[in-house]
Amino acid sequence: VAPPQELQITDPGLLGSLDIEWKAPPNIQTFNDCTVKYKFEYRNSGDRDWKVIFTRKLKFRVGFDLSRTAEVKVQTLLKGRCTDDVEVQSDWIYATFQVPLQGELESEVQNFHCIYHDWEYLRCTWQPGLLTPHGVYYGLYYWYEGLDHAAQCDDYIQDHGINIGCMLQNLSQAEYKDLSICVNGSAAATLLRPLYVTLRLHNLAKPSPPQQLVVSMSASEELQVVWSPPGSGTPPQCLEYEVQLAEDQGNAKAAWASVSTQMETTLTISRANQSRVSCVRVRGRTNFLCADQGFWSEWTQECFSVSRKEDKQLFILIPVILSLSSSLVIFMLIGHCKKRSPAEKPLNAPVG
């Protein structure tokens, strides 16, 4: 079977999403008794593995890192009565695409970093490139499937009048899709290298700390820890939690120790010793059901003092001891009054 024809790559201006198109082999109409499919593979130069798609379509839109060369290849697959149900493969055809590079590599922005806070807004920051001329302007542009064209950030973070970050709101439609971003710089008479990245929001999520943390002690000297998911846009079913416990070591600084990582919002901790103070904290992050990775939230700030069993018994005994002591003093005073002699009383009756 002949390979496909006229493999082309075109850039619709969507910050890395390129259109790949080819034509069927010229003799494909002669194979009426067979199924014709195509094996389409693509990658960026430098990547070890190819991404593979089996399809009967003749056009695809896939994402690339435009800072590197895009590489694609396609072959024809034929199987059916005309091949005795043996799959026949054609030769590969290849194509590449490279955005014309401009500016020195050192002029590209540095330390680009994004966090998807509470599944509600994306905060991206960067630092100017090493070769940054005076009066530089940085703009962030983004696109995801569903937008007609690339959009520009309208809420920049600035430092001394230079854009060093961006806040993007209302990105729920971009969740679990490729979010293509370009940070481009411009300056008078100087070409700057643009930065291209592709993000997945669910892998950048950072929730707020858990709420309503309550710690209590049972009669069997076990700590009962209960908390609630953060009251934000993070789906509760997408959270897992880490619980840590610190116990007072006298004059030594208490060390935190992890006791559990779980999806439930309650935990029972058996106390190995009888420390006077126990401090419990909890944090959360997106679990494996909703993301491949994510950022831990900040820790809860509450710290709880839990009395020992012996302290509780002593607390009960103190008022009992005080009550008995008071009663003993009263009885002694009464006994002392009864022992006073009648001669001690006045003998002269009052004169009328």
Foldseek 3Di string as FASTA:
>chain_A
DAWWADWDWDDPQQQFWIKTFTHGDPCPVVPPFKDKKKWKWKAFPPDDDIDIDIGRDGMDIDGYFQVTKIKMKMWMWIAGPVVPRDIDIHDIDIDIDHDDWFADPQQEWADWDWACELVFKIKIFTHGGPPDDPPKEKWKWKDWPPDPHIDTAPAFDDDPRYGGIGMGGDCNVCAPTWMWMKIAMDDPPGHGGIGIDIDHRLQRYEYAFWADWDWDADPQGKIKTFTHGDPGNHDLQFKKKWKWKWADPDPDDTDIDTDDIGSDGIDIGHDPDFGQFMFMKMWMWGDPVRYPHYDIHDIDDDGDGDGGPVVVVVVVVVVVVVVVVVVVVVVVVVVVVVPDDPVVPDDDDDDD
